């Protein structure tokens, strides 16, 4: 593998390309692309940069890979990218107080769309 191919792999991974897409583009095996990228120090799609602000992240080799530089950046990114959240067991429920329909996630039964509806219904 040439140095130019290694640079192309790194650049395409930073753009968010998958290993298989890069492999098709460069006529290489996906496993070759993956191992080359990992050996070059690029552990994440974002190249050890914060997904939200782009600052470098110091990775600890003994812990899980970090994708955000702080909790603030993590919350800000997830709040602005809610469409990328994959919830399990989503269902549509009608609020017992106001009658508005809302989406409930998880197995916990929910009767109210918000805490305000809960308080109003319980308080009288």
PDB file of N, CA and C in Angstrom:
ATOM      1  N   UNK A   1       0.843  -1.181   0.000  1.00  0.00           N
ATOM      2  CA  UNK A   1       0.000   0.000   0.000  1.00  0.00           C
ATOM      3  C   UNK A   1       0.886   1.241   0.000  1.00  0.00           C
ATOM      4  N   UNK A   2       0.538   2.192  -0.806  1.00  0.00           N
ATOM      5  CA  UNK A   2       1.351   3.403  -0.938  1.00  0.00           C
ATOM      6  C   UNK A   2       0.974   4.427   0.130  1.00  0.00           C
ATOM      7  N   UNK A   3       1.870   5.381   0.333  1.00  0.00           N
ATOM      8  CA  UNK A   3       1.596   6.452   1.290  1.00  0.00           C
ATOM      9  C   UNK A   3       0.415   7.302   0.829  1.00  0.00           C
ATOM     10  N   UNK A   4       0.275   7.450  -0.472  1.00  0.00           N
ATOM     11  CA  UNK A   4      -0.854   8.232  -1.008  1.00  0.00           C
ATOM     12  C   UNK A   4      -2.192   7.577  -0.655  1.00  0.00           C
ATOM     13  N   UNK A   5      -2.261   6.245  -0.768  1.00  0.00           N
ATOM     14  CA  UNK A   5      -3.485   5.530  -0.409  1.00  0.00           C
ATOM     15  C   UNK A   5      -3.783   5.699   1.086  1.00  0.00           C
ATOM     16  N   UNK A   6      -2.739   5.652   1.913  1.00  0.00           N
ATOM     17  CA  UNK A   6      -2.933   5.834   3.356  1.00  0.00           C
ATOM     18  C   UNK A   6      -3.499   7.222   3.655  1.00  0.00           C
ATOM     19  N   UNK A   7      -2.988   8.239   2.962  1.00  0.00           N
ATOM     20  CA  UNK A   7      -3.496   9.596   3.155  1.00  0.00           C
ATOM     21  C   UNK A   7      -4.942   9.721   2.672  1.00  0.00           C
ATOM     22  N   UNK A   8      -5.245   9.045   1.566  1.00  0.00           N
ATOM     23  CA  UNK A   8      -6.627   9.076   1.057  1.00  0.00           C
ATOM     24  C   UNK A   8      -7.577   8.406   2.034  1.00  0.00           C
ATOM     25  N   UNK A   9      -7.160   7.285   2.621  1.00  0.00           N
ATOM     26  CA  UNK A   9      -7.993   6.581   3.600  1.00  0.00           C
ATOM     27  C   UNK A   9      -8.288   7.492   4.774  1.00  0.00           C
ATOM     28  N   UNK A  10      -7.251   8.142   5.292  1.00  0.00           N
ATOM     29  CA  UNK A  10      -7.427   9.034   6.447  1.00  0.00           C
ATOM     30  C   UNK A  10      -8.369  10.197   6.105  1.00  0.00           C
ATOM     31  N   UNK A  11      -8.172  10.779   4.917  1.00  0.00           N
ATOM     32  CA  UNK A  11      -9.005  11.917   4.512  1.00  0.00           C
ATOM     33  C   UNK A  11     -10.462  11.503   4.324  1.00  0.00           C
ATOM     34  N   UNK A  12     -10.694  10.356   3.698  1.00  0.00           N
ATOM     35  CA  UNK A  12     -12.070   9.915   3.467  1.00  0.00           C
ATOM     36  C   UNK A  12     -12.752   9.515   4.771  1.00  0.00           C
ATOM     37  N   UNK A  13     -12.010   8.935   5.716  1.00  0.00           N
ATOM     38  CA  UNK A  13     -12.609   8.596   7.013  1.00  0.00           C
ATOM     39  C   UNK A  13     -13.014   9.863   7.763  1.00  0.00           C
ATOM     40  N   UNK A  14     -12.213  10.915   7.657  1.00  0.00           N
ATOM     41  CA  UNK A  14     -12.574  12.178   8.321  1.00  0.00           C
ATOM     42  C   UNK A  14     -13.839  12.785   7.715  1.00  0.00           C
ATOM     43  N   UNK A  15     -14.084  12.489   6.427  1.00  0.00           N
ATOM     44  CA  UNK A  15     -15.304  12.968   5.782  1.00  0.00           C
ATOM     45  C   UNK A  15     -16.510  12.112   6.131  1.00  0.00           C
ATOM     46  N   UNK A  16     -16.275  10.975   6.819  1.00  0.00           N
ATOM     47  CA  UNK A  16     -17.378  10.132   7.246  1.00  0.00           C
ATOM     48  C   UNK A  16     -17.632   8.923   6.366  1.00  0.00           C
ATOM     49  N   UNK A  17     -16.742   8.621   5.444  1.00  0.00           N
ATOM     50  CA  UNK A  17     -16.926   7.470   4.561  1.00  0.00           C
ATOM     51  C   UNK A  17     -16.756   6.181   5.354  1.00  0.00           C
ATOM     52  N   UNK A  18     -17.478   5.145   4.970  1.00  0.00           N
ATOM     53  CA  UNK A  18     -17.346   3.831   5.600  1.00  0.00           C
ATOM     54  C   UNK A  18     -16.142   3.107   5.023  1.00  0.00           C
ATOM     55  N   UNK A  19     -15.691   2.072   5.739  1.00  0.00           N
ATOM     56  CA  UNK A  19     -14.554   1.277   5.266  1.00  0.00           C
ATOM     57  C   UNK A  19     -14.853   0.646   3.897  1.00  0.00           C
ATOM     58  N   UNK A  20     -16.066   0.119   3.745  1.00  0.00           N
ATOM     59  CA  UNK A  20     -16.396  -0.537   2.474  1.00  0.00           C
ATOM     60  C   UNK A  20     -16.469   0.460   1.321  1.00  0.00           C
ATOM     61  N   UNK A  21     -16.955   1.662   1.565  1.00  0.00           N
ATOM     62  CA  UNK A  21     -17.011   2.671   0.502  1.00  0.00           C
ATOM     63  C   UNK A  21     -15.603   3.096   0.085  1.00  0.00           C
ATOM     64  N   UNK A  22     -14.719   3.246   1.073  1.00  0.00           N
ATOM     65  CA  UNK A  22     -13.331   3.594   0.764  1.00  0.00           C
ATOM     66  C   UNK A  22     -12.669   2.459  -0.013  1.00  0.00           C
ATOM     67  N   UNK A  23     -12.932   1.225   0.418  1.00  0.00           N
ATOM     68  CA  UNK A  23     -12.348   0.064  -0.259  1.00  0.00           C
ATOM     69  C   UNK A  23     -12.794   0.002  -1.717  1.00  0.00           C
ATOM     70  N   UNK A  24     -14.057   0.282  -1.987  1.00  0.00           N
ATOM     71  CA  UNK A  24     -14.547   0.302  -3.367  1.00  0.00           C
ATOM     72  C   UNK A  24     -13.878   1.417  -4.178  1.00  0.00           C
ATOM     73  N   UNK A  25     -13.708   2.563  -3.552  1.00  0.00           N
ATOM     74  CA  UNK A  25     -13.111   3.715  -4.228  1.00  0.00           C
ATOM     75  C   UNK A  25     -11.645   3.469  -4.589  1.00  0.00           C
ATOM     76  N   UNK A  26     -10.902   2.832  -3.662  1.00  0.00           N
ATOM     77  CA  UNK A  26      -9.459   2.631  -3.873  1.00  0.00           C
ATOM     78  C   UNK A  26      -9.105   1.233  -4.375  1.00  0.00           C
ATOM     79  N   UNK A  27     -10.121   0.412  -4.631  1.00  0.00           N
ATOM     80  CA  UNK A  27      -9.921  -0.966  -5.111  1.00  0.00           C
ATOM     81  C   UNK A  27      -9.072  -1.781  -4.130  1.00  0.00           C
ATOM     82  N   UNK A  28      -9.451  -1.711  -2.847  1.00  0.00           N
ATOM     83  CA  UNK A  28      -8.776  -2.465  -1.787  1.00  0.00           C
ATOM     84  C   UNK A  28      -9.801  -3.291  -1.029  1.00  0.00           C
ATOM     85  N   UNK A  29      -9.336  -4.170  -0.176  1.00  0.00           N
ATOM     86  CA  UNK A  29     -10.223  -4.936   0.691  1.00  0.00           C
ATOM     87  C   UNK A  29     -10.678  -4.055   1.856  1.00  0.00           C
ATOM     88  N   UNK A  30     -11.932  -4.188   2.303  1.00  0.00           N
ATOM     89  CA  UNK A  30     -12.384  -3.403   3.459  1.00  0.00           C
ATOM     90  C   UNK A  30     -11.544  -3.673   4.709  1.00  0.00           C
ATOM     91  N   UNK A  31     -11.098  -4.912   4.885  1.00  0.00           N
ATOM     92  CA  UNK A  31     -10.263  -5.221   6.041  1.00  0.00           C
ATOM     93  C   UNK A  31      -8.903  -4.546   5.958  1.00  0.00           C
ATOM     94  N   UNK A  32      -8.369  -4.405   4.762  1.00  0.00           N
ATOM     95  CA  UNK A  32      -7.103  -3.698   4.571  1.00  0.00           C
ATOM     96  C   UNK A  32      -7.261  -2.229   4.932  1.00  0.00           C
ATOM     97  N   UNK A  33      -8.359  -1.639   4.499  1.00  0.00           N
ATOM     98  CA  UNK A  33      -8.633  -0.234   4.804  1.00  0.00           C
ATOM     99  C   UNK A  33      -8.779  -0.045   6.313  1.00  0.00           C
ATOM    100  N   UNK A  34      -9.513  -0.936   6.944  1.00  0.00           N
ATOM    101  CA  UNK A  34      -9.745  -0.833   8.384  1.00  0.00           C
ATOM    102  C   UNK A  34      -8.443  -0.966   9.166  1.00  0.00           C
ATOM    103  N   UNK A  35      -7.641  -1.974   8.838  1.00  0.00           N
ATOM    104  CA  UNK A  35      -6.401  -2.179   9.582  1.00  0.00           C
ATOM    105  C   UNK A  35      -5.412  -1.038   9.332  1.00  0.00           C
ATOM    106  N   UNK A  36      -5.363  -0.538   8.116  1.00  0.00           N
ATOM    107  CA  UNK A  36      -4.482   0.595   7.816  1.00  0.00           C
ATOM    108  C   UNK A  36      -4.898   1.823   8.622  1.00  0.00           C
ATOM    109  N   UNK A  37      -6.189   2.081   8.676  1.00  0.00           N
ATOM    110  CA  UNK A  37      -6.686   3.239   9.414  1.00  0.00           C
ATOM    111  C   UNK A  37      -6.409   3.103  10.904  1.00  0.00           C
ATOM    112  N   UNK A  38      -6.610   1.932  11.460  1.00  0.00           N
ATOM    113  CA  UNK A  38      -6.368   1.715  12.889  1.00  0.00           C
ATOM    114  C   UNK A  38      -4.872   1.827  13.220  1.00  0.00           C
ATOM    115  N   UNK A  39      -4.027   1.290  12.345  1.00  0.00           N
ATOM    116  CA  UNK A  39      -2.577   1.357  12.583  1.00  0.00           C
ATOM    117  C   UNK A  39      -2.059   2.784  12.507  1.00  0.00           C
ATOM    118  N   UNK A  40      -2.696   3.613  11.712  1.00  0.00           N
ATOM    119  CA  UNK A  40      -2.237   4.994  11.571  1.00  0.00           C
ATOM    120  C   UNK A  40      -2.700   5.878  12.718  1.00  0.00           C
ATOM    121  N   UNK A  41      -3.411   5.305  13.683  1.00  0.00           N
ATOM    122  CA  UNK A  41      -3.820   6.068  14.857  1.00  0.00           C
ATOM    123  C   UNK A  41      -5.203   6.656  14.769  1.00  0.00           C
ATOM    124  N   UNK A  42      -5.920   6.429  13.704  1.00  0.00           N
ATOM    125  CA  UNK A  42      -7.283   6.951  13.569  1.00  0.00           C
ATOM    126  C   UNK A  42      -8.276   5.946  14.092  1.00  0.00           C
ATOM    127  N   UNK A  43      -8.785   6.165  15.297  1.00  0.00           N
ATOM    128  CA  UNK A  43      -9.706   5.207  15.895  1.00  0.00           C
ATOM    129  C   UNK A  43     -11.153   5.506  15.586  1.00  0.00           C
ATOM    130  N   UNK A  44     -11.468   6.743  15.296  1.00  0.00           N
ATOM    131  CA  UNK A  44     -12.868   7.079  15.061  1.00  0.00           C
ATOM    132  C   UNK A  44     -13.031   7.697  13.679  1.00  0.00           C
ATOM    133  N   UNK A  45     -14.268   7.812  13.277  1.00  0.00           N
ATOM    134  CA  UNK A  45     -14.577   8.439  11.994  1.00  0.00           C
ATOM    135  C   UNK A  45     -14.096   9.885  11.992  1.00  0.00           C
ATOM    136  N   UNK A  46     -14.109  10.519  13.134  1.00  0.00           N
ATOM    137  CA  UNK A  46     -13.775  11.933  13.232  1.00  0.00           C
ATOM    138  C   UNK A  46     -12.304  12.163  13.558  1.00  0.00           C
ATOM    139  N   UNK A  47     -11.500  11.082  13.595  1.00  0.00           N
ATOM    140  CA  UNK A  47     -10.065  11.237  13.760  1.00  0.00           C
ATOM    141  C   UNK A  47      -9.667  11.833  15.089  1.00  0.00           C
ATOM    142  N   UNK A  48     -10.265  11.403  16.173  1.00  0.00           N
ATOM    143  CA  UNK A  48      -9.966  11.892  17.516  1.00  0.00           C
ATOM    144  C   UNK A  48     -10.232  13.385  17.666  1.00  0.00           C
ATOM    145  N   UNK A  49     -11.250  13.868  16.964  1.00  0.00           N
ATOM    146  CA  UNK A  49     -11.704  15.244  17.109  1.00  0.00           C
ATOM    147  C   UNK A  49     -13.123  15.218  17.659  1.00  0.00           C
ATOM    148  N   UNK A  50     -13.470  16.216  18.454  1.00  0.00           N
ATOM    149  CA  UNK A  50     -14.816  16.313  19.029  1.00  0.00           C
ATOM    150  C   UNK A  50     -15.834  16.428  17.901  1.00  0.00           C
ATOM    151  N   UNK A  51     -16.904  15.652  17.962  1.00  0.00           N
ATOM    152  CA  UNK A  51     -17.938  15.697  16.931  1.00  0.00           C
ATOM    153  C   UNK A  51     -18.640  17.044  16.893  1.00  0.00           C
ATOM    154  N   UNK A  52     -18.673  17.743  18.021  1.00  0.00           N
ATOM    155  CA  UNK A  52     -19.419  18.990  18.097  1.00  0.00           C
ATOM    156  C   UNK A  52     -18.557  20.202  17.746  1.00  0.00           C
ATOM    157  N   UNK A  53     -17.437  20.377  18.441  1.00  0.00           N
ATOM    158  CA  UNK A  53     -16.652  21.601  18.265  1.00  0.00           C
ATOM    159  C   UNK A  53     -15.385  21.409  17.444  1.00  0.00           C
ATOM    160  N   UNK A  54     -14.950  20.152  17.238  1.00  0.00           N
ATOM    161  CA  UNK A  54     -13.777  19.896  16.420  1.00  0.00           C
ATOM    162  C   UNK A  54     -12.451  19.963  17.155  1.00  0.00           C
ATOM    163  N   UNK A  55     -12.487  20.168  18.482  1.00  0.00           N
ATOM    164  CA  UNK A  55     -11.242  20.187  19.251  1.00  0.00           C
ATOM    165  C   UNK A  55     -10.654  18.787  19.354  1.00  0.00           C
ATOM    166  N   UNK A  56      -9.324  18.674  19.465  1.00  0.00           N
ATOM    167  CA  UNK A  56      -8.716  17.342  19.626  1.00  0.00           C
ATOM    168  C   UNK A  56      -9.105  16.717  20.965  1.00  0.00           C
ATOM    169  N   UNK A  57      -9.247  15.396  20.961  1.00  0.00           N
ATOM    170  CA  UNK A  57      -9.605  14.659  22.169  1.00  0.00           C
ATOM    171  C   UNK A  57      -8.432  13.766  22.546  1.00  0.00           C
ATOM    172  N   UNK A  58      -8.028  13.808  23.805  1.00  0.00           N
ATOM    173  CA  UNK A  58      -6.978  12.913  24.290  1.00  0.00           C
ATOM    174  C   UNK A  58      -7.621  11.576  24.630  1.00  0.00           C
ATOM    175  N   UNK A  59      -7.266  10.549  23.875  1.00  0.00           N
ATOM    176  CA  UNK A  59      -7.832   9.216  24.093  1.00  0.00           C
ATOM    177  C   UNK A  59      -6.991   8.472  25.121  1.00  0.00           C
ATOM    178  N   UNK A  60      -7.646   7.801  26.048  1.00  0.00           N
ATOM    179  CA  UNK A  60      -6.975   6.949  27.013  1.00  0.00           C
ATOM    180  C   UNK A  60      -7.037   5.522  26.476  1.00  0.00           C
ATOM    181  N   UNK A  61      -5.907   4.853  26.278  1.00  0.00           N
ATOM    182  CA  UNK A  61      -5.944   3.513  25.691  1.00  0.00           C
ATOM    183  C   UNK A  61      -6.617   2.463  26.574  1.00  0.00           C
ATOM    184  N   UNK A  62      -6.779   2.742  27.859  1.00  0.00           N
ATOM    185  CA  UNK A  62      -7.369   1.760  28.782  1.00  0.00           C
ATOM    186  C   UNK A  62      -8.881   1.910  28.922  1.00  0.00           C
ATOM    187  N   UNK A  63      -9.456   2.895  28.287  1.00  0.00           N
ATOM    188  CA  UNK A  63     -10.896   3.126  28.419  1.00  0.00           C
ATOM    189  C   UNK A  63     -11.556   3.136  27.044  1.00  0.00           C
ATOM    190  N   UNK A  64     -12.869   3.269  27.072  1.00  0.00           N
ATOM    191  CA  UNK A  64     -13.656   3.347  25.841  1.00  0.00           C
ATOM    192  C   UNK A  64     -13.290   4.588  25.040  1.00  0.00           C
ATOM    193  N   UNK A  65     -13.466   4.516  23.749  1.00  0.00           N
ATOM    194  CA  UNK A  65     -13.150   5.635  22.877  1.00  0.00           C
ATOM    195  C   UNK A  65     -14.101   6.806  23.133  1.00  0.00           C
ATOM    196  N   UNK A  66     -13.546   8.003  23.228  1.00  0.00           N
ATOM    197  CA  UNK A  66     -14.347   9.201  23.454  1.00  0.00           C
ATOM    198  C   UNK A  66     -14.648   9.870  22.119  1.00  0.00           C
ATOM    199  N   UNK A  67     -15.857  10.410  21.992  1.00  0.00           N
ATOM    200  CA  UNK A  67     -16.265  11.091  20.764  1.00  0.00           C
ATOM    201  C   UNK A  67     -16.473  12.586  20.991  1.00  0.00           C
ATOM    202  N   UNK A  68     -16.506  13.023  22.255  1.00  0.00           N
ATOM    203  CA  UNK A  68     -16.755  14.423  22.585  1.00  0.00           C
ATOM    204  C   UNK A  68     -15.722  14.884  23.611  1.00  0.00           C
ATOM    205  N   UNK A  69     -15.392  16.165  23.579  1.00  0.00           N
ATOM    206  CA  UNK A  69     -14.384  16.692  24.503  1.00  0.00           C
ATOM    207  C   UNK A  69     -14.959  16.965  25.882  1.00  0.00           C
ATOM    208  N   UNK A  70     -16.278  17.144  25.986  1.00  0.00           N
ATOM    209  CA  UNK A  70     -16.898  17.436  27.283  1.00  0.00           C
ATOM    210  C   UNK A  70     -18.360  17.005  27.272  1.00  0.00           C
ATOM    211  N   UNK A  71     -18.965  16.981  28.442  1.00  0.00           N
ATOM    212  CA  UNK A  71     -20.391  16.667  28.532  1.00  0.00           C
ATOM    213  C   UNK A  71     -21.230  17.735  27.841  1.00  0.00           C
ATOM    214  N   UNK A  72     -20.800  18.993  27.924  1.00  0.00           N
ATOM    215  CA  UNK A  72     -21.522  20.079  27.265  1.00  0.00           C
ATOM    216  C   UNK A  72     -21.603  19.829  25.755  1.00  0.00           C
ATOM    217  N   UNK A  73     -20.454  19.481  25.147  1.00  0.00           N
ATOM    218  CA  UNK A  73     -20.437  19.213  23.695  1.00  0.00           C
ATOM    219  C   UNK A  73     -21.292  17.996  23.359  1.00  0.00           C
ATOM    220  N   UNK A  74     -21.236  16.964  24.203  1.00  0.00           N
ATOM    221  CA  UNK A  74     -22.030  15.754  23.966  1.00  0.00           C
ATOM    222  C   UNK A  74     -23.514  16.085  23.962  1.00  0.00           C
ATOM    223  N   UNK A  75     -23.981  16.816  24.984  1.00  0.00           N
ATOM    224  CA  UNK A  75     -25.398  17.163  25.069  1.00  0.00           C
ATOM    225  C   UNK A  75     -25.820  18.085  23.933  1.00  0.00           C
ATOM    226  N   UNK A  76     -24.973  19.048  23.613  1.00  0.00           N
ATOM    227  CA  UNK A  76     -25.309  19.982  22.534  1.00  0.00           C
ATOM    228  C   UNK A  76     -25.436  19.252  21.198  1.00  0.00           C
ATOM    229  N   UNK A  77     -24.502  18.307  20.921  1.00  0.00           N
ATOM    230  CA  UNK A  77     -24.546  17.566  19.668  1.00  0.00           C
ATOM    231  C   UNK A  77     -25.785  16.688  19.590  1.00  0.00           C
ATOM    232  N   UNK A  78     -26.108  15.952  20.654  1.00  0.00           N
ATOM    233  CA  UNK A  78     -27.278  15.069  20.618  1.00  0.00           C
ATOM    234  C   UNK A  78     -28.575  15.865  20.550  1.00  0.00           C
ATOM    235  N   UNK A  79     -28.634  17.030  21.192  1.00  0.00           N
ATOM    236  CA  UNK A  79     -29.845  17.848  21.112  1.00  0.00           C
ATOM    237  C   UNK A  79     -30.049  18.416  19.709  1.00  0.00           C
ATOM    238  N   UNK A  80     -28.969  18.686  18.988  1.00  0.00           N
ATOM    239  CA  UNK A  80     -29.115  19.217  17.633  1.00  0.00           C
ATOM    240  C   UNK A  80     -29.205  18.115  16.576  1.00  0.00           C
ATOM    241  N   UNK A  81     -28.969  16.859  16.953  1.00  0.00           N
ATOM    242  CA  UNK A  81     -29.032  15.726  16.015  1.00  0.00           C
ATOM    243  C   UNK A  81     -29.978  14.648  16.521  1.00  0.00           C
ATOM    244  N   UNK A  82     -31.151  15.053  16.959  1.00  0.00           N
ATOM    245  CA  UNK A  82     -32.111  14.099  17.521  1.00  0.00           C
ATOM    246  C   UNK A  82     -32.584  13.057  16.520  1.00  0.00           C
ATOM    247  N   UNK A  83     -32.492  13.372  15.235  1.00  0.00           N
ATOM    248  CA  UNK A  83     -32.924  12.424  14.211  1.00  0.00           C
ATOM    249  C   UNK A  83     -31.995  11.212  14.136  1.00  0.00           C
ATOM    250  N   UNK A  84     -30.786  11.305  14.677  1.00  0.00           N
ATOM    251  CA  UNK A  84     -29.849  10.194  14.630  1.00  0.00           C
ATOM    252  C   UNK A  84     -29.966   9.259  15.844  1.00  0.00           C
ATOM    253  N   UNK A  85     -30.822   9.620  16.807  1.00  0.00           N
ATOM    254  CA  UNK A  85     -31.026   8.773  17.976  1.00  0.00           C
ATOM    255  C   UNK A  85     -31.914   7.606  17.575  1.00  0.00           C
ATOM    256  N   UNK A  86     -31.495   6.399  17.920  1.00  0.00           N
ATOM    257  CA  UNK A  86     -32.284   5.214  17.593  1.00  0.00           C
ATOM    258  C   UNK A  86     -32.912   4.673  18.879  1.00  0.00           C
ATOM    259  N   UNK A  87     -34.190   4.942  19.062  1.00  0.00           N
ATOM    260  CA  UNK A  87     -34.907   4.477  20.246  1.00  0.00           C
ATOM    261  C   UNK A  87     -35.472   3.084  19.999  1.00  0.00           C
ATOM    262  N   UNK A  88     -35.481   2.296  21.054  1.00  0.00           N
ATOM    263  CA  UNK A  88     -36.121   0.986  20.966  1.00  0.00           C
ATOM    264  C   UNK A  88     -37.551   1.104  21.499  1.00  0.00           C
ATOM    265  N   UNK A  89     -38.424   0.307  21.001  1.00  0.00           N
ATOM    266  CA  UNK A  89     -39.801   0.223  21.487  1.00  0.00           C
ATOM    267  C   UNK A  89     -40.516   1.571  21.496  1.00  0.00           C
ATOM    268  N   UNK A  90     -40.514   2.277  20.377  1.00  0.00           N
ATOM    269  CA  UNK A  90     -41.248   3.538  20.277  1.00  0.00           C
ATOM    270  C   UNK A  90     -42.715   3.246  20.014  1.00  0.00           C
ATOM    271  N   UNK A  91     -43.577   4.010  20.670  1.00  0.00           N
ATOM    272  CA  UNK A  91     -45.013   3.840  20.451  1.00  0.00           C
ATOM    273  C   UNK A  91     -45.696   5.200  20.619  1.00  0.00           C
ATOM    274  N   UNK A  92     -46.831   5.365  19.980  1.00  0.00           N
ATOM    275  CA  UNK A  92     -47.602   6.599  20.070  1.00  0.00           C
ATOM    276  C   UNK A  92     -48.672   6.446  21.137  1.00  0.00           C
ATOM    277  N   UNK A  93     -48.730   7.426  22.048  1.00  0.00           N
ATOM    278  CA  UNK A  93     -49.646   7.369  23.190  1.00  0.00           C
ATOM    279  C   UNK A  93     -50.410   8.686  23.241  1.00  0.00           C
ATOM    280  N   UNK A  94     -51.639   8.623  23.730  1.00  0.00           N
ATOM    281  CA  UNK A  94     -52.439   9.834  23.907  1.00  0.00           C
ATOM    282  C   UNK A  94     -52.353  10.270  25.364  1.00  0.00           C
ATOM    283  N   UNK A  95     -52.090  11.551  25.593  1.00  0.00           N
ATOM    284  CA  UNK A  95     -51.956  12.096  26.947  1.00  0.00           C
ATOM    285  C   UNK A  95     -53.294  11.981  27.680  1.00  0.00           C
ATOM    286  N   UNK A  96     -53.253  11.507  28.922  1.00  0.00           N
ATOM    287  CA  UNK A  96     -54.460  11.316  29.717  1.00  0.00           C
ATOM    288  C   UNK A  96     -55.074  12.644  30.149  1.00  0.00           C
ATOM    289  N   UNK A  97     -54.309  13.740  30.118  1.00  0.00           N
ATOM    290  CA  UNK A  97     -54.833  15.029  30.567  1.00  0.00           C
ATOM    291  C   UNK A  97     -55.271  15.922  29.399  1.00  0.00           C
ATOM    292  N   UNK A  98     -54.379  16.173  28.451  1.00  0.00           N
ATOM    293  CA  UNK A  98     -54.692  17.123  27.386  1.00  0.00           C
ATOM    294  C   UNK A  98     -55.143  16.455  26.091  1.00  0.00           C
ATOM    295  N   UNK A  99     -54.932  15.155  25.948  1.00  0.00           N
ATOM    296  CA  UNK A  99     -55.369  14.437  24.758  1.00  0.00           C
ATOM    297  C   UNK A  99     -54.419  14.513  23.578  1.00  0.00           C
ATOM    298  N   UNK A 100     -53.291  15.205  23.738  1.00  0.00           N
ATOM    299  CA  UNK A 100     -52.310  15.317  22.664  1.00  0.00           C
ATOM    300  C   UNK A 100     -51.574  13.979  22.508  1.00  0.00           C
ATOM    301  N   UNK A 101     -51.244  13.613  21.281  1.00  0.00           N
ATOM    302  CA  UNK A 101     -50.488  12.374  21.077  1.00  0.00           C
ATOM    303  C   UNK A 101     -49.003  12.685  21.163  1.00  0.00           C
ATOM    304  N   UNK A 102     -48.233  11.757  21.731  1.00  0.00           N
ATOM    305  CA  UNK A 102     -46.790  11.914  21.862  1.00  0.00           C
ATOM    306  C   UNK A 102     -46.142  10.553  21.696  1.00  0.00           C
ATOM    307  N   UNK A 103     -44.843  10.541  21.474  1.00  0.00           N
ATOM    308  CA  UNK A 103     -44.094   9.298  21.294  1.00  0.00           C
ATOM    309  C   UNK A 103     -43.423   8.926  22.597  1.00  0.00           C
ATOM    310  N   UNK A 104     -43.705   7.719  23.068  1.00  0.00           N
ATOM    311  CA  UNK A 104     -43.092   7.200  24.296  1.00  0.00           C
ATOM    312  C   UNK A 104     -42.043   6.173  23.902  1.00  0.00           C
ATOM    313  N   UNK A 105     -40.914   6.198  24.598  1.00  0.00           N
ATOM    314  CA  UNK A 105     -39.815   5.284  24.308  1.00  0.00           C
ATOM    315  C   UNK A 105     -39.587   4.368  25.495  1.00  0.00           C
ATOM    316  N   UNK A 106     -39.133   3.158  25.217  1.00  0.00           N
ATOM    317  CA  UNK A 106     -38.828   2.217  26.290  1.00  0.00           C
ATOM    318  C   UNK A 106     -40.061   1.452  26.737  1.00  0.00           C
ATOM    319  N   UNK A 107     -39.875   0.674  27.788  1.00  0.00           N
ATOM    320  CA  UNK A 107     -40.957  -0.190  28.255  1.00  0.00           C
ATOM    321  C   UNK A 107     -41.793   0.432  29.360  1.00  0.00           C
ATOM    322  N   UNK A 108     -41.320   1.535  29.948  1.00  0.00           N
ATOM    323  CA  UNK A 108     -42.069   2.169  31.023  1.00  0.00           C
ATOM    324  C   UNK A 108     -43.385   2.732  30.498  1.00  0.00           C
ATOM    325  N   UNK A 109     -44.481   2.452  31.169  1.00  0.00           N
ATOM    326  CA  UNK A 109     -45.762   3.018  30.716  1.00  0.00           C
ATOM    327  C   UNK A 109     -45.818   4.512  31.027  1.00  0.00           C
ATOM    328  N   UNK A 110     -46.238   5.304  30.047  1.00  0.00           N
ATOM    329  CA  UNK A 110     -46.379   6.744  30.242  1.00  0.00           C
ATOM    330  C   UNK A 110     -47.811   7.130  29.929  1.00  0.00           C
ATOM    331  N   UNK A 111     -48.371   7.999  30.773  1.00  0.00           N
ATOM    332  CA  UNK A 111     -49.743   8.454  30.567  1.00  0.00           C
ATOM    333  C   UNK A 111     -49.809   9.922  30.172  1.00  0.00           C
ATOM    334  N   UNK A 112     -48.761  10.685  30.469  1.00  0.00           N
ATOM    335  CA  UNK A 112     -48.786  12.131  30.258  1.00  0.00           C
ATOM    336  C   UNK A 112     -47.674  12.560  29.301  1.00  0.00           C
ATOM    337  N   UNK A 113     -47.949  13.606  28.531  1.00  0.00           N
ATOM    338  CA  UNK A 113     -46.967  14.088  27.564  1.00  0.00           C
ATOM    339  C   UNK A 113     -45.895  14.952  28.215  1.00  0.00           C
ATOM    340  N   UNK A 114     -46.174  15.526  29.373  1.00  0.00           N
ATOM    341  CA  UNK A 114     -45.204  16.382  30.045  1.00  0.00           C
ATOM    342  C   UNK A 114     -45.456  16.375  31.550  1.00  0.00           C
ATOM    343  N   UNK A 115     -44.504  16.930  32.269  1.00  0.00           N
ATOM    344  CA  UNK A 115     -44.669  17.015  33.723  1.00  0.00           C
ATOM    345  C   UNK A 115     -45.802  17.995  34.077  1.00  0.00           C
ATOM    346  N   UNK A 116     -45.986  19.030  33.256  1.00  0.00           N
ATOM    347  CA  UNK A 116     -47.063  19.994  33.511  1.00  0.00           C
ATOM    348  C   UNK A 116     -48.437  19.314  33.441  1.00  0.00           C
ATOM    349  N   UNK A 117     -48.645  18.430  32.468  1.00  0.00           N
ATOM    350  CA  UNK A 117     -49.915  17.696  32.367  1.00  0.00           C
ATOM    351  C   UNK A 117     -50.083  16.749  33.551  1.00  0.00           C
ATOM    352  N   UNK A 118     -49.009  16.112  33.960  1.00  0.00           N
ATOM    353  CA  UNK A 118     -49.054  15.217  35.125  1.00  0.00           C
ATOM    354  C   UNK A 118     -49.470  15.978  36.371  1.00  0.00           C
ATOM    355  N   UNK A 119     -48.821  17.140  36.608  1.00  0.00           N
ATOM    356  CA  UNK A 119     -49.105  17.940  37.797  1.00  0.00           C
ATOM    357  C   UNK A 119     -50.540  18.480  37.768  1.00  0.00           C
ATOM    358  N   UNK A 120     -50.981  18.926  36.600  1.00  0.00           N
ATOM    359  CA  UNK A 120     -52.337  19.472  36.488  1.00  0.00           C
ATOM    360  C   UNK A 120     -53.380  18.393  36.722  1.00  0.00           C
ATOM    361  N   UNK A 121     -53.150  17.198  36.202  1.00  0.00           N
ATOM    362  CA  UNK A 121     -54.115  16.110  36.382  1.00  0.00           C
ATOM    363  C   UNK A 121     -54.118  15.612  37.828  1.00  0.00           C
ATOM    364  N   UNK A 122     -52.987  15.509  38.437  1.00  0.00           N
ATOM    365  CA  UNK A 122     -52.890  15.007  39.812  1.00  0.00           C
ATOM    366  C   UNK A 122     -53.319  16.059  40.828  1.00  0.00           C
ATOM    367  N   UNK A 123     -53.060  17.349  40.511  1.00  0.00           N
ATOM    368  CA  UNK A 123     -53.355  18.415  41.458  1.00  0.00           C
ATOM    369  C   UNK A 123     -54.806  18.838  41.461  1.00  0.00           C
ATOM    370  N   UNK A 124     -55.547  18.445  40.468  1.00  0.00           N
ATOM    371  CA  UNK A 124     -56.959  18.812  40.497  1.00  0.00           C
ATOM    372  C   UNK A 124     -57.295  19.683  39.377  1.00  0.00           C
TER     373      UNK A 124
END
